[in-house]
Amino acid sequence: MSPALWYALVGALLVAVAFAAFAAHTHVVRRLLAFNVMGTGSFLILVGLAQHERGPDPVPQALVLTGIVVAVASTALALVVFRRWFAATGRVALPEDDTP
């Protein structure tokens, strides 16, 4: 197996584990961390699948770099929103959805 395929497989494993953690937890910071790990897994998949015999494809690499910048900015925004939500409600977990 090539190293590029290993990157893609590890990325798929990260996405699967992070999705399970995202679904299992109601704590907002744990969900945010799981969402960031899912993003990291998708970046690994893109980088792993963009390798060729001629060398790496620059378009997926540019997409990954742009995605990293967007992920950092959205994480910062989510932390600010979560902090305001905690100040308003005093809770750190999401309410349970009781509607059918």
PDB file of N, CA and C in Angstrom:
ATOM      1  N   MET A   1       0.845  -1.195   0.000  1.00  0.00           N
ATOM      2  CA  MET A   1       0.000   0.000   0.000  1.00  0.00           C
ATOM      3  C   MET A   1       0.878   1.243   0.000  1.00  0.00           C
ATOM      4  N   SER A   2       0.441   2.206  -0.746  1.00  0.00           N
ATOM      5  CA  SER A   2       1.221   3.435  -0.844  1.00  0.00           C
ATOM      6  C   SER A   2       0.922   4.340   0.358  1.00  0.00           C
ATOM      7  N   PRO A   3       1.839   5.250   0.667  1.00  0.00           N
ATOM      8  CA  PRO A   3       1.584   6.181   1.767  1.00  0.00           C
ATOM      9  C   PRO A   3       0.354   7.072   1.519  1.00  0.00           C
ATOM     10  N   ALA A   4       0.086   7.389   0.271  1.00  0.00           N
ATOM     11  CA  ALA A   4      -1.080   8.219  -0.033  1.00  0.00           C
ATOM     12  C   ALA A   4      -2.377   7.496   0.323  1.00  0.00           C
ATOM     13  N   LEU A   5      -2.413   6.192   0.073  1.00  0.00           N
ATOM     14  CA  LEU A   5      -3.598   5.413   0.437  1.00  0.00           C
ATOM     15  C   LEU A   5      -3.744   5.321   1.948  1.00  0.00           C
ATOM     16  N   TRP A   6      -2.631   5.248   2.664  1.00  0.00           N
ATOM     17  CA  TRP A   6      -2.690   5.250   4.123  1.00  0.00           C
ATOM     18  C   TRP A   6      -3.276   6.553   4.643  1.00  0.00           C
ATOM     19  N   TYR A   7      -2.879   7.683   4.044  1.00  0.00           N
ATOM     20  CA  TYR A   7      -3.456   8.967   4.431  1.00  0.00           C
ATOM     21  C   TYR A   7      -4.974   8.951   4.260  1.00  0.00           C
ATOM     22  N   ALA A   8      -5.425   8.440   3.126  1.00  0.00           N
ATOM     23  CA  ALA A   8      -6.862   8.408   2.857  1.00  0.00           C
ATOM     24  C   ALA A   8      -7.582   7.482   3.824  1.00  0.00           C
ATOM     25  N   LEU A   9      -7.012   6.329   4.129  1.00  0.00           N
ATOM     26  CA  LEU A   9      -7.650   5.396   5.056  1.00  0.00           C
ATOM     27  C   LEU A   9      -7.690   5.935   6.482  1.00  0.00           C
ATOM     28  N   VAL A  10      -6.607   6.544   6.929  1.00  0.00           N
ATOM     29  CA  VAL A  10      -6.595   7.153   8.264  1.00  0.00           C
ATOM     30  C   VAL A  10      -7.591   8.308   8.317  1.00  0.00           C
ATOM     31  N   GLY A  11      -7.697   9.067   7.246  1.00  0.00           N
ATOM     32  CA  GLY A  11      -8.686  10.149   7.189  1.00  0.00           C
ATOM     33  C   GLY A  11     -10.101   9.623   7.279  1.00  0.00           C
ATOM     34  N   ALA A  12     -10.380   8.523   6.586  1.00  0.00           N
ATOM     35  CA  ALA A  12     -11.715   7.928   6.658  1.00  0.00           C
ATOM     36  C   ALA A  12     -11.997   7.406   8.061  1.00  0.00           C
ATOM     37  N   LEU A  13     -11.000   6.835   8.716  1.00  0.00           N
ATOM     38  CA  LEU A  13     -11.167   6.367  10.089  1.00  0.00           C
ATOM     39  C   LEU A  13     -11.437   7.542  11.031  1.00  0.00           C
ATOM     40  N   LEU A  14     -10.713   8.636  10.859  1.00  0.00           N
ATOM     41  CA  LEU A  14     -10.944   9.827  11.689  1.00  0.00           C
ATOM     42  C   LEU A  14     -12.357  10.379  11.496  1.00  0.00           C
ATOM     43  N   VAL A  15     -12.816  10.413  10.266  1.00  0.00           N
ATOM     44  CA  VAL A  15     -14.169  10.910   9.999  1.00  0.00           C
ATOM     45  C   VAL A  15     -15.198  10.019  10.682  1.00  0.00           C
ATOM     46  N   ALA A  16     -15.026   8.706  10.602  1.00  0.00           N
ATOM     47  CA  ALA A  16     -15.991   7.785  11.199  1.00  0.00           C
ATOM     48  C   ALA A  16     -16.023   7.900  12.723  1.00  0.00           C
ATOM     49  N   VAL A  17     -14.852   7.940  13.342  1.00  0.00           N
ATOM     50  CA  VAL A  17     -14.791   8.034  14.804  1.00  0.00           C
ATOM     51  C   VAL A  17     -15.337   9.386  15.278  1.00  0.00           C
ATOM     52  N   ALA A  18     -14.991  10.447  14.580  1.00  0.00           N
ATOM     53  CA  ALA A  18     -15.468  11.771  14.976  1.00  0.00           C
ATOM     54  C   ALA A  18     -16.972  11.896  14.771  1.00  0.00           C
ATOM     55  N   PHE A  19     -17.511  11.278  13.731  1.00  0.00           N
ATOM     56  CA  PHE A  19     -18.964  11.319  13.535  1.00  0.00           C
ATOM     57  C   PHE A  19     -19.686  10.599  14.664  1.00  0.00           C
ATOM     58  N   ALA A  20     -19.136   9.470  15.102  1.00  0.00           N
ATOM     59  CA  ALA A  20     -19.730   8.747  16.229  1.00  0.00           C
ATOM     60  C   ALA A  20     -19.670   9.589  17.503  1.00  0.00           C
ATOM     61  N   ALA A  21     -18.547  10.265  17.727  1.00  0.00           N
ATOM     62  CA  ALA A  21     -18.427  11.121  18.908  1.00  0.00           C
ATOM     63  C   ALA A  21     -19.373  12.316  18.815  1.00  0.00           C
ATOM     64  N   PHE A  22     -19.534  12.870  17.626  1.00  0.00           N
ATOM     65  CA  PHE A  22     -20.438  13.998  17.438  1.00  0.00           C
ATOM     66  C   PHE A  22     -21.878  13.600  17.746  1.00  0.00           C
ATOM     67  N   ALA A  23     -22.256  12.402  17.332  1.00  0.00           N
ATOM     68  CA  ALA A  23     -23.619  11.929  17.559  1.00  0.00           C
ATOM     69  C   ALA A  23     -23.848  11.534  19.015  1.00  0.00           C
ATOM     70  N   ALA A  24     -22.807  11.111  19.711  1.00  0.00           N
ATOM     71  CA  ALA A  24     -22.970  10.588  21.066  1.00  0.00           C
ATOM     72  C   ALA A  24     -23.020  11.681  22.139  1.00  0.00           C
ATOM     73  N   HIS A  25     -22.379  12.806  21.919  1.00  0.00           N
ATOM     74  CA  HIS A  25     -22.253  13.824  22.968  1.00  0.00           C
ATOM     75  C   HIS A  25     -23.209  14.988  22.752  1.00  0.00           C
ATOM     76  N   THR A  26     -23.638  15.579  23.878  1.00  0.00           N
ATOM     77  CA  THR A  26     -24.445  16.797  23.804  1.00  0.00           C
ATOM     78  C   THR A  26     -23.668  18.018  24.280  1.00  0.00           C
ATOM     79  N   HIS A  27     -22.505  17.815  24.878  1.00  0.00           N
ATOM     80  CA  HIS A  27     -21.668  18.931  25.329  1.00  0.00           C
ATOM     81  C   HIS A  27     -21.162  19.669  24.101  1.00  0.00           C
ATOM     82  N   VAL A  28     -21.334  20.992  24.085  1.00  0.00           N
ATOM     83  CA  VAL A  28     -21.058  21.751  22.865  1.00  0.00           C
ATOM     84  C   VAL A  28     -19.572  21.776  22.497  1.00  0.00           C
ATOM     85  N   VAL A  29     -18.685  21.828  23.465  1.00  0.00           N
ATOM     86  CA  VAL A  29     -17.256  21.870  23.147  1.00  0.00           C
ATOM     87  C   VAL A  29     -16.788  20.517  22.623  1.00  0.00           C
ATOM     88  N   ARG A  30     -17.320  19.436  23.178  1.00  0.00           N
ATOM     89  CA  ARG A  30     -16.962  18.107  22.657  1.00  0.00           C
ATOM     90  C   ARG A  30     -17.469  17.932  21.235  1.00  0.00           C
ATOM     91  N   ARG A  31     -18.652  18.460  20.960  1.00  0.00           N
ATOM     92  CA  ARG A  31     -19.165  18.390  19.595  1.00  0.00           C
ATOM     93  C   ARG A  31     -18.308  19.214  18.644  1.00  0.00           C
ATOM     94  N   LEU A  32     -17.871  20.375  19.091  1.00  0.00           N
ATOM     95  CA  LEU A  32     -17.010  21.208  18.258  1.00  0.00           C
ATOM     96  C   LEU A  32     -15.683  20.500  17.975  1.00  0.00           C
ATOM     97  N   LEU A  33     -15.110  19.868  18.989  1.00  0.00           N
ATOM     98  CA  LEU A  33     -13.867  19.125  18.777  1.00  0.00           C
ATOM     99  C   LEU A  33     -14.078  17.959  17.814  1.00  0.00           C
ATOM    100  N   ALA A  34     -15.191  17.249  17.951  1.00  0.00           N
ATOM    101  CA  ALA A  34     -15.485  16.148  17.032  1.00  0.00           C
ATOM    102  C   ALA A  34     -15.657  16.664  15.609  1.00  0.00           C
ATOM    103  N   PHE A  35     -16.306  17.810  15.467  1.00  0.00           N
ATOM    104  CA  PHE A  35     -16.490  18.395  14.141  1.00  0.00           C
ATOM    105  C   PHE A  35     -15.147  18.793  13.532  1.00  0.00           C
ATOM    106  N   ASN A  36     -14.233  19.313  14.343  1.00  0.00           N
ATOM    107  CA  ASN A  36     -12.901  19.670  13.846  1.00  0.00           C
ATOM    108  C   ASN A  36     -12.097  18.429  13.453  1.00  0.00           C
ATOM    109  N   VAL A  37     -12.243  17.344  14.200  1.00  0.00           N
ATOM    110  CA  VAL A  37     -11.553  16.107  13.840  1.00  0.00           C
ATOM    111  C   VAL A  37     -12.118  15.554  12.530  1.00  0.00           C
ATOM    112  N   MET A  38     -13.444  15.701  12.331  1.00  0.00           N
ATOM    113  CA  MET A  38     -14.028  15.281  11.051  1.00  0.00           C
ATOM    114  C   MET A  38     -13.437  16.090   9.901  1.00  0.00           C
ATOM    115  N   GLY A  39     -13.264  17.376  10.106  1.00  0.00           N
ATOM    116  CA  GLY A  39     -12.657  18.210   9.076  1.00  0.00           C
ATOM    117  C   GLY A  39     -11.227  17.806   8.788  1.00  0.00           C
ATOM    118  N   THR A  40     -10.475  17.483   9.826  1.00  0.00           N
ATOM    119  CA  THR A  40      -9.103  17.027   9.643  1.00  0.00           C
ATOM    120  C   THR A  40      -9.064  15.722   8.859  1.00  0.00           C
ATOM    121  N   GLY A  41      -9.996  14.840   9.150  1.00  0.00           N
ATOM    122  CA  GLY A  41     -10.077  13.583   8.402  1.00  0.00           C
ATOM    123  C   GLY A  41     -10.374  13.814   6.937  1.00  0.00           C
ATOM    124  N   SER A  42     -11.272  14.745   6.655  1.00  0.00           N
ATOM    125  CA  SER A  42     -11.580  15.033   5.249  1.00  0.00           C
ATOM    126  C   SER A  42     -10.381  15.673   4.546  1.00  0.00           C
ATOM    127  N   PHE A  43      -9.606  16.471   5.260  1.00  0.00           N
ATOM    128  CA  PHE A  43      -8.390  17.032   4.672  1.00  0.00           C
ATOM    129  C   PHE A  43      -7.388  15.921   4.343  1.00  0.00           C
ATOM    130  N   LEU A  44      -7.258  14.953   5.250  1.00  0.00           N
ATOM    131  CA  LEU A  44      -6.353  13.830   4.985  1.00  0.00           C
ATOM    132  C   LEU A  44      -6.814  13.016   3.785  1.00  0.00           C
ATOM    133  N   ILE A  45      -8.118  12.822   3.664  1.00  0.00           N
ATOM    134  CA  ILE A  45      -8.640  12.090   2.507  1.00  0.00           C
ATOM    135  C   ILE A  45      -8.310  12.836   1.215  1.00  0.00           C
ATOM    136  N   LEU A  46      -8.532  14.138   1.213  1.00  0.00           N
ATOM    137  CA  LEU A  46      -8.228  14.920   0.007  1.00  0.00           C
ATOM    138  C   LEU A  46      -6.749  14.859  -0.357  1.00  0.00           C
ATOM    139  N   VAL A  47      -5.888  15.012   0.635  1.00  0.00           N
ATOM    140  CA  VAL A  47      -4.449  14.982   0.353  1.00  0.00           C
ATOM    141  C   VAL A  47      -4.019  13.590  -0.095  1.00  0.00           C
ATOM    142  N   GLY A  48      -4.571  12.555   0.539  1.00  0.00           N
ATOM    143  CA  GLY A  48      -4.189  11.192   0.178  1.00  0.00           C
ATOM    144  C   GLY A  48      -4.638  10.799  -1.206  1.00  0.00           C
ATOM    145  N   LEU A  49      -5.819  11.217  -1.606  1.00  0.00           N
ATOM    146  CA  LEU A  49      -6.327  10.837  -2.921  1.00  0.00           C
ATOM    147  C   LEU A  49      -5.807  11.727  -4.045  1.00  0.00           C
ATOM    148  N   ALA A  50      -5.125  12.806  -3.716  1.00  0.00           N
ATOM    149  CA  ALA A  50      -4.631  13.730  -4.736  1.00  0.00           C
ATOM    150  C   ALA A  50      -3.220  13.384  -5.211  1.00  0.00           C
ATOM    151  N   GLN A  51      -2.666  12.271  -4.767  1.00  0.00           N
ATOM    152  CA  GLN A  51      -1.312  11.894  -5.163  1.00  0.00           C
ATOM    153  C   GLN A  51      -1.358  11.081  -6.455  1.00  0.00           C
ATOM    154  N   HIS A  52      -0.417  11.369  -7.339  1.00  0.00           N
ATOM    155  CA  HIS A  52      -0.294  10.652  -8.616  1.00  0.00           C
ATOM    156  C   HIS A  52       1.150  10.211  -8.787  1.00  0.00           C
ATOM    157  N   GLU A  53       1.403   9.461  -9.857  1.00  0.00           N
ATOM    158  CA  GLU A  53       2.780   9.072 -10.162  1.00  0.00           C
ATOM    159  C   GLU A  53       3.605  10.293 -10.573  1.00  0.00           C
ATOM    160  N   ARG A  54       2.923  11.284 -11.151  1.00  0.00           N
ATOM    161  CA  ARG A  54       3.614  12.504 -11.605  1.00  0.00           C
ATOM    162  C   ARG A  54       3.889  13.462 -10.456  1.00  0.00           C
ATOM    163  N   GLY A  55       3.285  13.243  -9.313  1.00  0.00           N
ATOM    164  CA  GLY A  55       3.446  14.138  -8.177  1.00  0.00           C
ATOM    165  C   GLY A  55       2.092  14.550  -7.640  1.00  0.00           C
ATOM    166  N   PRO A  56       2.093  15.386  -6.642  1.00  0.00           N
ATOM    167  CA  PRO A  56       0.813  15.794  -6.047  1.00  0.00           C
ATOM    168  C   PRO A  56       0.040  16.758  -6.949  1.00  0.00           C
ATOM    169  N   ASP A  57      -1.271  16.652  -6.880  1.00  0.00           N
ATOM    170  CA  ASP A  57      -2.143  17.552  -7.627  1.00  0.00           C
ATOM    171  C   ASP A  57      -2.294  18.841  -6.808  1.00  0.00           C
ATOM    172  N   PRO A  58      -2.012  20.015  -7.388  1.00  0.00           N
ATOM    173  CA  PRO A  58      -2.038  21.242  -6.594  1.00  0.00           C
ATOM    174  C   PRO A  58      -3.441  21.741  -6.234  1.00  0.00           C
ATOM    175  N   VAL A  59      -4.462  21.339  -6.980  1.00  0.00           N
ATOM    176  CA  VAL A  59      -5.806  21.852  -6.697  1.00  0.00           C
ATOM    177  C   VAL A  59      -6.336  21.344  -5.357  1.00  0.00           C
ATOM    178  N   PRO A  60      -6.288  20.044  -5.056  1.00  0.00           N
ATOM    179  CA  PRO A  60      -6.744  19.612  -3.728  1.00  0.00           C
ATOM    180  C   PRO A  60      -5.889  20.169  -2.597  1.00  0.00           C
ATOM    181  N   GLN A  61      -4.608  20.370  -2.852  1.00  0.00           N
ATOM    182  CA  GLN A  61      -3.771  20.974  -1.813  1.00  0.00           C
ATOM    183  C   GLN A  61      -4.212  22.401  -1.526  1.00  0.00           C
ATOM    184  N   ALA A  62      -4.568  23.145  -2.555  1.00  0.00           N
ATOM    185  CA  ALA A  62      -5.078  24.503  -2.351  1.00  0.00           C
ATOM    186  C   ALA A  62      -6.411  24.473  -1.616  1.00  0.00           C
ATOM    187  N   LEU A  63      -7.255  23.491  -1.937  1.00  0.00           N
ATOM    188  CA  LEU A  63      -8.528  23.362  -1.234  1.00  0.00           C
ATOM    189  C   LEU A  63      -8.322  23.043   0.240  1.00  0.00           C
ATOM    190  N   VAL A  64      -7.350  22.206   0.546  1.00  0.00           N
ATOM    191  CA  VAL A  64      -7.062  21.866   1.938  1.00  0.00           C
ATOM    192  C   VAL A  64      -6.551  23.087   2.687  1.00  0.00           C
ATOM    193  N   LEU A  65      -5.656  23.853   2.082  1.00  0.00           N
ATOM    194  CA  LEU A  65      -5.161  25.072   2.748  1.00  0.00           C
ATOM    195  C   LEU A  65      -6.290  26.064   3.000  1.00  0.00           C
ATOM    196  N   THR A  66      -7.164  26.232   2.035  1.00  0.00           N
ATOM    197  CA  THR A  66      -8.311  27.119   2.214  1.00  0.00           C
ATOM    198  C   THR A  66      -9.238  26.568   3.289  1.00  0.00           C
ATOM    199  N   GLY A  67      -9.422  25.249   3.302  1.00  0.00           N
ATOM    200  CA  GLY A  67     -10.273  24.631   4.313  1.00  0.00           C
ATOM    201  C   GLY A  67      -9.718  24.792   5.713  1.00  0.00           C
ATOM    202  N   ILE A  68      -8.419  24.746   5.868  1.00  0.00           N
ATOM    203  CA  ILE A  68      -7.814  24.950   7.185  1.00  0.00           C
ATOM    204  C   ILE A  68      -8.090  26.354   7.691  1.00  0.00           C
ATOM    205  N   VAL A  69      -7.958  27.335   6.821  1.00  0.00           N
ATOM    206  CA  VAL A  69      -8.234  28.722   7.218  1.00  0.00           C
ATOM    207  C   VAL A  69      -9.698  28.889   7.609  1.00  0.00           C
ATOM    208  N   VAL A  70     -10.594  28.311   6.821  1.00  0.00           N
ATOM    209  CA  VAL A  70     -12.021  28.400   7.123  1.00  0.00           C
ATOM    210  C   VAL A  70     -12.345  27.670   8.416  1.00  0.00           C
ATOM    211  N   ALA A  71     -11.711  26.520   8.655  1.00  0.00           N
ATOM    212  CA  ALA A  71     -11.958  25.760   9.880  1.00  0.00           C
ATOM    213  C   ALA A  71     -11.520  26.528  11.117  1.00  0.00           C
ATOM    214  N   VAL A  72     -10.390  27.197  11.049  1.00  0.00           N
ATOM    215  CA  VAL A  72      -9.924  27.990  12.195  1.00  0.00           C
ATOM    216  C   VAL A  72     -10.884  29.148  12.465  1.00  0.00           C
ATOM    217  N   ALA A  73     -11.307  29.825  11.414  1.00  0.00           N
ATOM    218  CA  ALA A  73     -12.226  30.952  11.588  1.00  0.00           C
ATOM    219  C   ALA A  73     -13.584  30.492  12.113  1.00  0.00           C
ATOM    220  N   SER A  74     -14.103  29.393  11.598  1.00  0.00           N
ATOM    221  CA  SER A  74     -15.403  28.917  12.063  1.00  0.00           C
ATOM    222  C   SER A  74     -15.318  28.373  13.485  1.00  0.00           C
ATOM    223  N   THR A  75     -14.191  27.788  13.870  1.00  0.00           N
ATOM    224  CA  THR A  75     -14.014  27.334  15.247  1.00  0.00           C
ATOM    225  C   THR A  75     -14.002  28.516  16.207  1.00  0.00           C
ATOM    226  N   ALA A  76     -13.315  29.574  15.835  1.00  0.00           N
ATOM    227  CA  ALA A  76     -13.298  30.769  16.676  1.00  0.00           C
ATOM    228  C   ALA A  76     -14.704  31.363  16.814  1.00  0.00           C
ATOM    229  N   LEU A  77     -15.431  31.435  15.721  1.00  0.00           N
ATOM    230  CA  LEU A  77     -16.797  31.940  15.770  1.00  0.00           C
ATOM    231  C   LEU A  77     -17.686  31.046  16.634  1.00  0.00           C
ATOM    232  N   ALA A  78     -17.556  29.731  16.502  1.00  0.00           N
ATOM    233  CA  ALA A  78     -18.369  28.813  17.298  1.00  0.00           C
ATOM    234  C   ALA A  78     -18.056  28.954  18.783  1.00  0.00           C
ATOM    235  N   LEU A  79     -16.796  29.138  19.138  1.00  0.00           N
ATOM    236  CA  LEU A  79     -16.446  29.316  20.545  1.00  0.00           C
ATOM    237  C   LEU A  79     -17.046  30.594  21.118  1.00  0.00           C
ATOM    238  N   VAL A  80     -17.067  31.649  20.325  1.00  0.00           N
ATOM    239  CA  VAL A  80     -17.693  32.899  20.791  1.00  0.00           C
ATOM    240  C   VAL A  80     -19.195  32.704  20.985  1.00  0.00           C
ATOM    241  N   VAL A  81     -19.837  32.031  20.036  1.00  0.00           N
ATOM    242  CA  VAL A  81     -21.276  31.777  20.156  1.00  0.00           C
ATOM    243  C   VAL A  81     -21.569  30.899  21.363  1.00  0.00           C
ATOM    244  N   PHE A  82     -20.765  29.848  21.578  1.00  0.00           N
ATOM    245  CA  PHE A  82     -20.971  28.964  22.718  1.00  0.00           C
ATOM    246  C   PHE A  82     -20.778  29.707  24.033  1.00  0.00           C
ATOM    247  N   ARG A  83     -19.811  30.593  24.054  1.00  0.00           N
ATOM    248  CA  ARG A  83     -19.573  31.362  25.281  1.00  0.00           C
ATOM    249  C   ARG A  83     -20.741  32.287  25.585  1.00  0.00           C
ATOM    250  N   ARG A  84     -21.295  32.930  24.568  1.00  0.00           N
ATOM    251  CA  ARG A  84     -22.475  33.777  24.774  1.00  0.00           C
ATOM    252  C   ARG A  84     -23.682  32.957  25.195  1.00  0.00           C
ATOM    253  N   TRP A  85     -23.823  31.767  24.584  1.00  0.00           N
ATOM    254  CA  TRP A  85     -24.938  30.899  24.937  1.00  0.00           C
ATOM    255  C   TRP A  85     -24.819  30.442  26.388  1.00  0.00           C
ATOM    256  N   PHE A  86     -23.592  30.137  26.834  1.00  0.00           N
ATOM    257  CA  PHE A  86     -23.381  29.744  28.225  1.00  0.00           C
ATOM    258  C   PHE A  86     -23.692  30.913  29.161  1.00  0.00           C
ATOM    259  N   ALA A  87     -23.311  32.126  28.779  1.00  0.00           N
ATOM    260  CA  ALA A  87     -23.598  33.293  29.611  1.00  0.00           C
ATOM    261  C   ALA A  87     -25.098  33.555  29.710  1.00  0.00           C
ATOM    262  N   ALA A  88     -25.828  33.265  28.640  1.00  0.00           N
ATOM    263  CA  ALA A  88     -27.271  33.514  28.648  1.00  0.00           C
ATOM    264  C   ALA A  88     -28.056  32.412  29.354  1.00  0.00           C
ATOM    265  N   THR A  89     -27.634  31.148  29.180  1.00  0.00           N
ATOM    266  CA  THR A  89     -28.424  30.040  29.724  1.00  0.00           C
ATOM    267  C   THR A  89     -27.786  29.376  30.934  1.00  0.00           C
ATOM    268  N   GLY A  90     -26.476  29.443  31.065  1.00  0.00           N
ATOM    269  CA  GLY A  90     -25.791  28.773  32.160  1.00  0.00           C
ATOM    270  C   GLY A  90     -25.610  27.281  31.943  1.00  0.00           C
ATOM    271  N   ARG A  91     -25.880  26.791  30.746  1.00  0.00           N
ATOM    272  CA  ARG A  91     -25.754  25.361  30.445  1.00  0.00           C
ATOM    273  C   ARG A  91     -24.628  25.142  29.444  1.00  0.00           C
ATOM    274  N   VAL A  92     -23.979  23.972  29.548  1.00  0.00           N
ATOM    275  CA  VAL A  92     -22.917  23.634  28.598  1.00  0.00           C
ATOM    276  C   VAL A  92     -23.315  22.512  27.666  1.00  0.00           C
ATOM    277  N   ALA A  93     -24.492  21.952  27.862  1.00  0.00           N
ATOM    278  CA  ALA A  93     -24.957  20.869  26.992  1.00  0.00           C
ATOM    279  C   ALA A  93     -26.187  21.332  26.227  1.00  0.00           C
ATOM    280  N   LEU A  94     -26.367  20.730  25.072  1.00  0.00           N
ATOM    281  CA  LEU A  94     -27.543  21.058  24.265  1.00  0.00           C
ATOM    282  C   LEU A  94     -28.774  20.426  24.880  1.00  0.00           C
ATOM    283  N   PRO A  95     -29.935  21.069  24.744  1.00  0.00           N
ATOM    284  CA  PRO A  95     -31.157  20.463  25.291  1.00  0.00           C
ATOM    285  C   PRO A  95     -31.548  19.233  24.455  1.00  0.00           C
ATOM    286  N   GLU A  96     -32.160  18.299  25.111  1.00  0.00           N
ATOM    287  CA  GLU A  96     -32.627  17.101  24.419  1.00  0.00           C
ATOM    288  C   GLU A  96     -33.813  17.443  23.543  1.00  0.00           C
ATOM    289  N   ASP A  97     -33.877  16.827  22.382  1.00  0.00           N
ATOM    290  CA  ASP A  97     -34.977  17.053  21.460  1.00  0.00           C
ATOM    291  C   ASP A  97     -36.070  16.037  21.771  1.00  0.00           C
ATOM    292  N   ASP A  98     -37.191  16.496  22.389  1.00  0.00           N
ATOM    293  CA  ASP A  98     -38.243  15.597  22.812  1.00  0.00           C
ATOM    294  C   ASP A  98     -39.366  15.478  21.782  1.00  0.00           C
ATOM    295  N   THR A  99     -39.314  16.273  20.724  1.00  0.00           N
ATOM    296  CA  THR A  99     -40.380  16.199  19.721  1.00  0.00           C
ATOM    297  C   THR A  99     -40.175  14.980  18.838  1.00  0.00           C
ATOM    298  N   PRO A 100     -41.267  14.311  18.456  1.00  0.00           N
ATOM    299  CA  PRO A 100     -41.119  13.110  17.611  1.00  0.00           C
ATOM    300  C   PRO A 100     -40.755  13.433  16.185  1.00  0.00           C
TER     301      PRO A 100
END
